[in-house]
């Protein structure tokens, strides 16, 4: 199984600020769910993938582009961790003009990652490894070049 990209507050804030591709956001989650790349660029469920994920999503769930995957991610966050985005990052949400499915799904992804750390009693470092950060997309509905269309 591939090593999961290390999480940090700076990285999660970059995700919320739409400074990474949607695929990168998914790649933060997939290995933590037990998915692994199969050599063709596709991530597949593996033996470590819980049946709750493996059965409905045998291939990489598109958490940003596809509503069913995003809903499943939201539902998988334990109730006691639903407010971590606000509590740990001080995230008050997007303004009305920033409310797009892509961005709200990114917030869900970040909250899931925070819950993942909390469930394992792992700390969230303030800083850490960052990918090359992108400028926020000119069209937040369409996202970054190469992002899947949001359904």
N, C-alpha and C. Protein backbone atom coordinates (compact mmCIF):
# COMPACT_ATOMS: atom_id res chain seq x y z
N UNK A 1 0.85 -1.18 0.00
CA UNK A 1 0.00 0.00 0.00
C UNK A 1 0.90 1.24 0.00
N UNK A 2 0.55 2.25 -0.81
CA UNK A 2 1.39 3.45 -0.87
C UNK A 2 1.31 4.25 0.42
N UNK A 3 2.38 4.94 0.71
CA UNK A 3 2.37 5.81 1.89
C UNK A 3 1.44 6.98 1.63
N UNK A 4 0.66 7.31 2.63
CA UNK A 4 -0.26 8.44 2.52
C UNK A 4 0.53 9.75 2.63
N UNK A 5 0.13 10.73 1.84
CA UNK A 5 0.77 12.05 1.88
C UNK A 5 0.62 12.61 3.30
N UNK A 6 1.68 13.13 3.89
CA UNK A 6 1.58 13.63 5.26
C UNK A 6 0.67 14.85 5.37
N UNK A 7 -0.12 14.85 6.42
CA UNK A 7 -1.07 15.95 6.64
C UNK A 7 -0.46 17.02 7.53
N UNK A 8 -0.88 18.25 7.30
CA UNK A 8 -0.50 19.37 8.17
C UNK A 8 -1.60 20.41 8.07
N UNK A 9 -1.62 21.29 9.02
CA UNK A 9 -2.60 22.38 9.01
C UNK A 9 -2.44 23.21 7.72
N UNK A 10 -1.20 23.50 7.34
CA UNK A 10 -0.96 24.29 6.13
C UNK A 10 -1.52 23.59 4.89
N UNK A 11 -1.36 22.28 4.82
CA UNK A 11 -1.89 21.52 3.68
C UNK A 11 -3.42 21.57 3.65
N UNK A 12 -4.04 21.33 4.79
CA UNK A 12 -5.50 21.32 4.83
C UNK A 12 -6.07 22.71 4.53
N UNK A 13 -5.40 23.74 4.96
CA UNK A 13 -5.83 25.10 4.63
C UNK A 13 -5.69 25.36 3.13
N UNK A 14 -4.66 24.80 2.50
CA UNK A 14 -4.50 24.94 1.05
C UNK A 14 -5.63 24.23 0.31
N UNK A 15 -6.05 23.08 0.82
CA UNK A 15 -7.19 22.37 0.23
C UNK A 15 -8.44 23.23 0.32
N UNK A 16 -8.69 23.80 1.49
CA UNK A 16 -9.87 24.65 1.68
C UNK A 16 -9.82 25.89 0.79
N UNK A 17 -8.63 26.40 0.54
CA UNK A 17 -8.45 27.60 -0.29
C UNK A 17 -8.44 27.27 -1.78
N UNK A 18 -8.69 26.00 -2.13
CA UNK A 18 -8.76 25.56 -3.53
C UNK A 18 -7.42 25.75 -4.24
N UNK A 19 -6.34 25.42 -3.53
CA UNK A 19 -4.99 25.59 -4.08
C UNK A 19 -4.39 24.27 -4.53
N UNK A 20 -5.20 23.18 -4.53
CA UNK A 20 -4.76 21.87 -5.01
C UNK A 20 -5.82 21.34 -5.96
N UNK A 21 -5.44 20.39 -6.79
CA UNK A 21 -6.41 19.77 -7.69
C UNK A 21 -7.38 18.91 -6.89
N UNK A 22 -8.52 18.64 -7.49
CA UNK A 22 -9.48 17.74 -6.85
C UNK A 22 -8.89 16.34 -6.71
N UNK A 23 -8.14 15.90 -7.70
CA UNK A 23 -7.52 14.58 -7.63
C UNK A 23 -6.57 14.50 -6.44
N UNK A 24 -5.78 15.55 -6.22
CA UNK A 24 -4.87 15.54 -5.08
C UNK A 24 -5.65 15.39 -3.78
N UNK A 25 -6.78 16.06 -3.67
CA UNK A 25 -7.61 15.94 -2.46
C UNK A 25 -8.02 14.48 -2.27
N UNK A 26 -8.46 13.84 -3.35
CA UNK A 26 -8.84 12.42 -3.27
C UNK A 26 -7.64 11.56 -2.89
N UNK A 27 -6.47 11.89 -3.42
CA UNK A 27 -5.28 11.09 -3.13
C UNK A 27 -4.83 11.23 -1.68
N UNK A 28 -5.32 12.25 -0.98
CA UNK A 28 -5.07 12.34 0.45
C UNK A 28 -5.90 11.30 1.21
N UNK A 29 -7.05 10.97 0.67
CA UNK A 29 -7.99 10.08 1.35
C UNK A 29 -7.85 8.63 0.92
N UNK A 30 -7.70 8.37 -0.38
CA UNK A 30 -7.70 7.00 -0.88
C UNK A 30 -6.78 6.05 -0.11
N UNK A 31 -5.50 6.37 0.08
CA UNK A 31 -4.65 5.39 0.78
C UNK A 31 -5.09 5.18 2.23
N UNK A 32 -5.69 6.19 2.83
CA UNK A 32 -6.16 6.06 4.21
C UNK A 32 -7.39 5.16 4.30
N UNK A 33 -8.05 4.94 3.17
CA UNK A 33 -9.18 4.01 3.10
C UNK A 33 -8.75 2.63 2.58
N UNK A 34 -7.48 2.49 2.25
CA UNK A 34 -6.98 1.20 1.78
C UNK A 34 -6.95 1.04 0.28
N UNK A 35 -7.18 2.12 -0.47
CA UNK A 35 -7.07 2.05 -1.93
C UNK A 35 -5.61 2.17 -2.33
N UNK A 36 -5.26 1.56 -3.45
CA UNK A 36 -3.88 1.62 -3.94
C UNK A 36 -3.89 1.77 -5.45
N UNK A 37 -2.87 2.45 -6.00
CA UNK A 37 -2.79 2.57 -7.46
C UNK A 37 -2.51 1.21 -8.07
N UNK A 38 -3.12 0.95 -9.22
CA UNK A 38 -2.97 -0.36 -9.85
C UNK A 38 -1.96 -0.35 -11.00
N UNK A 39 -1.23 0.73 -11.17
CA UNK A 39 -0.23 0.80 -12.22
C UNK A 39 -0.72 1.49 -13.48
N UNK A 40 -2.02 1.62 -13.64
CA UNK A 40 -2.58 2.29 -14.83
C UNK A 40 -3.07 3.70 -14.51
N UNK A 41 -2.79 4.16 -13.28
CA UNK A 41 -3.27 5.48 -12.88
C UNK A 41 -4.59 5.44 -12.14
N UNK A 42 -5.16 4.26 -12.03
CA UNK A 42 -6.42 4.09 -11.30
C UNK A 42 -6.12 3.52 -9.92
N UNK A 43 -6.88 3.95 -8.94
CA UNK A 43 -6.75 3.42 -7.59
C UNK A 43 -7.88 2.41 -7.39
N UNK A 44 -7.54 1.26 -6.83
CA UNK A 44 -8.52 0.21 -6.59
C UNK A 44 -8.57 -0.15 -5.12
N UNK A 45 -9.75 -0.60 -4.69
CA UNK A 45 -9.89 -1.08 -3.32
C UNK A 45 -8.98 -2.28 -3.13
N UNK A 46 -8.41 -2.37 -1.97
CA UNK A 46 -7.52 -3.49 -1.66
C UNK A 46 -8.01 -4.25 -0.45
N UNK A 47 -7.22 -5.20 0.00
CA UNK A 47 -7.63 -6.01 1.16
C UNK A 47 -7.84 -5.18 2.42
N UNK A 48 -7.16 -4.06 2.53
CA UNK A 48 -7.31 -3.21 3.72
C UNK A 48 -8.53 -2.27 3.62
N UNK A 49 -9.18 -2.25 2.46
CA UNK A 49 -10.33 -1.37 2.27
C UNK A 49 -11.56 -2.01 2.91
N UNK A 50 -12.19 -1.28 3.81
CA UNK A 50 -13.40 -1.77 4.47
C UNK A 50 -14.48 -2.05 3.43
N UNK A 51 -15.26 -3.08 3.67
CA UNK A 51 -16.34 -3.46 2.74
C UNK A 51 -17.32 -2.32 2.52
N UNK A 52 -17.48 -1.44 3.51
CA UNK A 52 -18.39 -0.29 3.35
C UNK A 52 -17.93 0.63 2.22
N UNK A 53 -16.65 0.59 1.90
CA UNK A 53 -16.10 1.36 0.78
C UNK A 53 -15.88 0.48 -0.45
N UNK A 54 -15.32 -0.69 -0.22
CA UNK A 54 -14.95 -1.59 -1.32
C UNK A 54 -16.15 -1.99 -2.17
N UNK A 55 -17.28 -2.29 -1.55
CA UNK A 55 -18.43 -2.78 -2.31
C UNK A 55 -19.06 -1.69 -3.19
N UNK A 56 -19.40 -0.51 -2.64
CA UNK A 56 -19.99 0.50 -3.54
C UNK A 56 -18.97 1.20 -4.43
N UNK A 57 -17.70 1.20 -4.01
CA UNK A 57 -16.65 1.92 -4.74
C UNK A 57 -15.42 1.01 -4.93
N UNK A 58 -15.50 0.02 -5.82
CA UNK A 58 -14.33 -0.85 -6.03
C UNK A 58 -13.16 -0.08 -6.66
N UNK A 59 -13.48 0.98 -7.37
CA UNK A 59 -12.45 1.88 -7.92
C UNK A 59 -12.55 3.22 -7.21
N UNK A 60 -11.48 3.95 -7.26
CA UNK A 60 -11.32 5.26 -6.62
C UNK A 60 -12.61 6.10 -6.54
N UNK A 61 -13.14 6.32 -5.35
CA UNK A 61 -14.30 7.21 -5.23
C UNK A 61 -13.88 8.65 -5.52
N UNK A 62 -14.64 9.30 -6.35
CA UNK A 62 -14.36 10.70 -6.70
C UNK A 62 -15.10 11.60 -5.71
N UNK A 63 -14.46 11.90 -4.59
CA UNK A 63 -15.11 12.61 -3.49
C UNK A 63 -15.53 14.03 -3.84
N UNK A 64 -14.87 14.66 -4.78
CA UNK A 64 -15.22 16.03 -5.14
C UNK A 64 -16.20 16.02 -6.32
N UNK A 65 -15.99 15.18 -7.29
CA UNK A 65 -16.78 15.21 -8.52
C UNK A 65 -18.12 14.49 -8.40
N UNK A 66 -18.21 13.49 -7.56
CA UNK A 66 -19.41 12.66 -7.54
C UNK A 66 -20.12 12.73 -6.20
N UNK A 67 -21.38 13.11 -6.26
CA UNK A 67 -22.17 13.27 -5.04
C UNK A 67 -22.25 12.01 -4.19
N UNK A 68 -22.50 10.81 -4.76
CA UNK A 68 -22.59 9.62 -3.91
C UNK A 68 -21.33 9.39 -3.07
N UNK A 69 -20.16 9.62 -3.66
CA UNK A 69 -18.91 9.43 -2.91
C UNK A 69 -18.79 10.48 -1.81
N UNK A 70 -19.17 11.71 -2.11
CA UNK A 70 -19.11 12.78 -1.11
C UNK A 70 -20.08 12.51 0.04
N UNK A 71 -21.28 12.04 -0.29
CA UNK A 71 -22.27 11.73 0.75
C UNK A 71 -21.74 10.60 1.64
N UNK A 72 -21.16 9.57 1.03
CA UNK A 72 -20.60 8.45 1.81
C UNK A 72 -19.49 8.94 2.73
N UNK A 73 -18.66 9.85 2.23
CA UNK A 73 -17.57 10.40 3.05
C UNK A 73 -18.14 11.17 4.23
N UNK A 74 -19.15 11.99 3.98
CA UNK A 74 -19.79 12.76 5.05
C UNK A 74 -20.35 11.82 6.11
N UNK A 75 -21.05 10.80 5.67
CA UNK A 75 -21.69 9.86 6.61
C UNK A 75 -20.67 9.04 7.39
N UNK A 76 -19.46 8.91 6.87
CA UNK A 76 -18.46 8.10 7.55
C UNK A 76 -17.72 8.88 8.65
N UNK A 77 -17.98 10.16 8.77
CA UNK A 77 -17.34 10.96 9.82
C UNK A 77 -18.11 10.71 11.12
N UNK A 78 -17.44 10.19 12.15
CA UNK A 78 -18.14 9.97 13.43
C UNK A 78 -18.73 11.27 13.98
N UNK A 79 -19.90 11.14 14.57
CA UNK A 79 -20.64 12.31 15.07
C UNK A 79 -19.79 13.22 15.94
N UNK A 80 -18.98 12.63 16.81
CA UNK A 80 -18.18 13.44 17.73
C UNK A 80 -17.09 14.25 17.01
N UNK A 81 -16.87 13.97 15.73
CA UNK A 81 -15.84 14.69 14.97
C UNK A 81 -16.40 15.60 13.89
N UNK A 82 -17.69 15.78 13.85
CA UNK A 82 -18.33 16.57 12.79
C UNK A 82 -17.92 18.05 12.82
N UNK A 83 -17.48 18.55 13.96
CA UNK A 83 -17.14 19.97 14.08
C UNK A 83 -15.64 20.26 14.09
N UNK A 84 -14.83 19.28 13.74
CA UNK A 84 -13.37 19.47 13.81
C UNK A 84 -12.88 20.56 12.88
N UNK A 85 -13.54 20.72 11.75
CA UNK A 85 -13.13 21.76 10.80
C UNK A 85 -13.18 23.13 11.48
N UNK A 86 -14.23 23.35 12.20
CA UNK A 86 -14.40 24.62 12.92
C UNK A 86 -13.49 24.67 14.16
N UNK A 87 -13.46 23.58 14.92
CA UNK A 87 -12.72 23.57 16.17
C UNK A 87 -11.21 23.63 15.96
N UNK A 88 -10.69 22.87 15.02
CA UNK A 88 -9.23 22.82 14.86
C UNK A 88 -8.68 23.84 13.88
N UNK A 89 -9.43 24.14 12.83
CA UNK A 89 -8.93 25.07 11.82
C UNK A 89 -9.60 26.43 11.89
N UNK A 90 -10.62 26.57 12.73
CA UNK A 90 -11.33 27.84 12.82
C UNK A 90 -12.09 28.17 11.55
N UNK A 91 -12.41 27.15 10.77
CA UNK A 91 -13.09 27.35 9.49
C UNK A 91 -14.57 27.65 9.75
N UNK A 92 -14.99 28.83 9.34
CA UNK A 92 -16.38 29.25 9.56
C UNK A 92 -17.26 28.96 8.36
N UNK A 93 -16.70 28.37 7.34
CA UNK A 93 -17.47 28.07 6.14
C UNK A 93 -17.16 29.07 5.04
N UNK A 94 -17.73 28.79 3.90
CA UNK A 94 -17.55 29.68 2.75
C UNK A 94 -18.65 30.73 2.77
N UNK A 95 -18.38 31.87 2.15
CA UNK A 95 -19.41 32.90 2.02
C UNK A 95 -20.39 32.48 0.94
N UNK A 96 -21.51 33.14 0.87
CA UNK A 96 -22.54 32.79 -0.12
C UNK A 96 -21.95 32.75 -1.53
N UNK A 97 -21.13 33.71 -1.87
CA UNK A 97 -20.54 33.76 -3.21
C UNK A 97 -19.52 32.66 -3.47
N UNK A 98 -19.10 31.95 -2.43
CA UNK A 98 -18.11 30.88 -2.57
C UNK A 98 -18.72 29.48 -2.48
N UNK A 99 -20.03 29.42 -2.30
CA UNK A 99 -20.70 28.12 -2.11
C UNK A 99 -20.91 27.41 -3.44
N UNK A 100 -20.01 26.49 -3.71
CA UNK A 100 -20.09 25.65 -4.89
C UNK A 100 -19.90 24.21 -4.40
N UNK A 101 -20.53 23.24 -5.07
CA UNK A 101 -20.35 21.85 -4.62
C UNK A 101 -18.89 21.43 -4.48
N UNK A 102 -18.03 21.87 -5.39
CA UNK A 102 -16.62 21.50 -5.29
C UNK A 102 -16.03 21.97 -3.96
N UNK A 103 -16.34 23.17 -3.57
CA UNK A 103 -15.73 23.70 -2.35
C UNK A 103 -16.33 23.09 -1.09
N UNK A 104 -17.64 22.89 -1.07
CA UNK A 104 -18.23 22.27 0.12
C UNK A 104 -17.74 20.83 0.26
N UNK A 105 -17.51 20.15 -0.85
CA UNK A 105 -16.99 18.79 -0.80
C UNK A 105 -15.54 18.77 -0.34
N UNK A 106 -14.79 19.82 -0.65
CA UNK A 106 -13.43 19.94 -0.14
C UNK A 106 -13.47 20.10 1.38
N UNK A 107 -14.41 20.88 1.87
CA UNK A 107 -14.54 21.04 3.32
C UNK A 107 -14.87 19.69 3.97
N UNK A 108 -15.73 18.92 3.34
CA UNK A 108 -16.04 17.58 3.84
C UNK A 108 -14.78 16.72 3.88
N UNK A 109 -13.99 16.77 2.81
CA UNK A 109 -12.76 15.98 2.74
C UNK A 109 -11.80 16.37 3.86
N UNK A 110 -11.65 17.66 4.11
CA UNK A 110 -10.76 18.12 5.17
C UNK A 110 -11.29 17.66 6.52
N UNK A 111 -12.60 17.78 6.74
CA UNK A 111 -13.17 17.34 8.01
C UNK A 111 -12.94 15.83 8.20
N UNK A 112 -13.10 15.06 7.11
CA UNK A 112 -12.86 13.62 7.20
C UNK A 112 -11.41 13.34 7.59
N UNK A 113 -10.47 14.07 6.98
CA UNK A 113 -9.05 13.87 7.30
C UNK A 113 -8.76 14.22 8.76
N UNK A 114 -9.38 15.28 9.26
CA UNK A 114 -9.21 15.64 10.67
C UNK A 114 -9.79 14.55 11.57
N UNK A 115 -10.94 14.00 11.19
CA UNK A 115 -11.55 12.91 11.97
C UNK A 115 -10.67 11.67 11.93
N UNK A 116 -10.07 11.40 10.77
CA UNK A 116 -9.15 10.27 10.63
C UNK A 116 -8.02 10.40 11.65
N UNK A 117 -7.42 11.58 11.73
CA UNK A 117 -6.34 11.80 12.70
C UNK A 117 -6.86 11.66 14.13
N UNK A 118 -8.02 12.24 14.41
CA UNK A 118 -8.59 12.20 15.77
C UNK A 118 -8.87 10.77 16.21
N UNK A 119 -9.39 9.95 15.30
CA UNK A 119 -9.70 8.56 15.63
C UNK A 119 -8.43 7.78 15.99
N UNK A 120 -7.31 8.21 15.49
CA UNK A 120 -6.04 7.52 15.74
C UNK A 120 -5.17 8.25 16.75
N UNK A 121 -5.71 9.32 17.34
CA UNK A 121 -4.97 10.13 18.30
C UNK A 121 -3.65 10.63 17.72
N UNK A 122 -3.68 10.96 16.42
CA UNK A 122 -2.49 11.49 15.75
C UNK A 122 -2.57 13.02 15.74
N UNK A 123 -1.45 13.68 15.95
CA UNK A 123 -1.44 15.14 15.94
C UNK A 123 -1.53 15.70 14.51
N UNK A 124 -1.92 16.95 14.42
CA UNK A 124 -1.92 17.67 13.16
C UNK A 124 -0.80 18.72 13.24
N UNK A 125 0.34 18.45 12.58
CA UNK A 125 1.42 19.44 12.63
C UNK A 125 0.99 20.74 11.96
N UNK A 126 1.56 21.84 12.40
CA UNK A 126 1.23 23.15 11.81
C UNK A 126 1.75 23.25 10.38
N UNK A 127 2.93 22.73 10.16
CA UNK A 127 3.54 22.82 8.83
C UNK A 127 3.98 21.43 8.39
N UNK A 128 4.29 21.32 7.11
CA UNK A 128 4.74 20.05 6.58
C UNK A 128 4.92 20.15 5.08
N UNK A 129 5.09 19.01 4.48
CA UNK A 129 5.28 18.91 3.05
C UNK A 129 4.05 19.45 2.32
N UNK A 130 4.28 20.28 1.31
CA UNK A 130 3.19 20.81 0.50
C UNK A 130 3.46 20.48 -0.97
N UNK A 131 2.41 20.19 -1.72
CA UNK A 131 2.58 20.03 -3.16
C UNK A 131 2.78 21.40 -3.77
N UNK A 132 3.07 21.44 -5.04
CA UNK A 132 3.11 22.73 -5.72
C UNK A 132 1.69 23.30 -5.66
N UNK A 133 1.55 24.46 -5.03
CA UNK A 133 0.22 25.03 -4.86
C UNK A 133 -0.22 25.73 -6.14
N UNK A 134 -1.48 25.58 -6.45
CA UNK A 134 -2.09 26.18 -7.64
C UNK A 134 -2.79 27.47 -7.25
N UNK A 135 -3.00 28.32 -8.22
CA UNK A 135 -3.86 29.48 -7.99
C UNK A 135 -5.29 28.98 -7.92
N UNK A 136 -6.13 29.58 -7.08
CA UNK A 136 -7.54 29.16 -7.09
C UNK A 136 -8.08 29.28 -8.51
N UNK A 137 -8.95 28.35 -8.93
CA UNK A 137 -9.43 28.38 -10.31
C UNK A 137 -10.25 29.63 -10.61
N UNK A 138 -10.08 30.13 -11.83
CA UNK A 138 -10.86 31.31 -12.25
C UNK A 138 -12.35 30.99 -12.23
N UNK A 139 -12.70 29.77 -12.58
CA UNK A 139 -14.09 29.33 -12.55
C UNK A 139 -14.20 28.24 -11.48
N UNK A 140 -14.65 28.60 -10.26
CA UNK A 140 -14.68 27.62 -9.19
C UNK A 140 -15.66 26.47 -9.42
N UNK A 141 -16.59 26.64 -10.32
CA UNK A 141 -17.52 25.56 -10.65
C UNK A 141 -16.78 24.49 -11.45
N UNK A 142 -15.95 24.90 -12.40
CA UNK A 142 -15.22 23.97 -13.25
C UNK A 142 -13.98 23.42 -12.56
N UNK A 143 -13.38 24.19 -11.67
CA UNK A 143 -12.18 23.74 -10.98
C UNK A 143 -10.92 23.96 -11.77
N UNK A 144 -9.91 23.21 -11.42
CA UNK A 144 -8.60 23.31 -12.04
C UNK A 144 -8.56 22.50 -13.33
N UNK A 145 -7.65 22.84 -14.24
CA UNK A 145 -7.51 22.01 -15.45
C UNK A 145 -7.30 20.55 -15.06
N UNK A 146 -8.05 19.67 -15.67
CA UNK A 146 -7.95 18.25 -15.38
C UNK A 146 -8.91 17.74 -14.32
N UNK A 147 -9.53 18.65 -13.56
CA UNK A 147 -10.52 18.20 -12.57
C UNK A 147 -11.74 17.64 -13.28
N UNK A 148 -12.32 16.60 -12.69
CA UNK A 148 -13.54 16.02 -13.25
C UNK A 148 -14.68 17.01 -13.11
N UNK A 149 -15.63 17.00 -14.04
CA UNK A 149 -16.83 17.82 -13.85
C UNK A 149 -17.61 17.34 -12.62
N UNK A 150 -18.18 18.27 -11.91
CA UNK A 150 -18.92 17.93 -10.70
C UNK A 150 -20.34 17.54 -11.06
N UNK A 151 -20.75 16.39 -10.52
CA UNK A 151 -22.11 15.91 -10.76
C UNK A 151 -22.91 15.94 -9.47
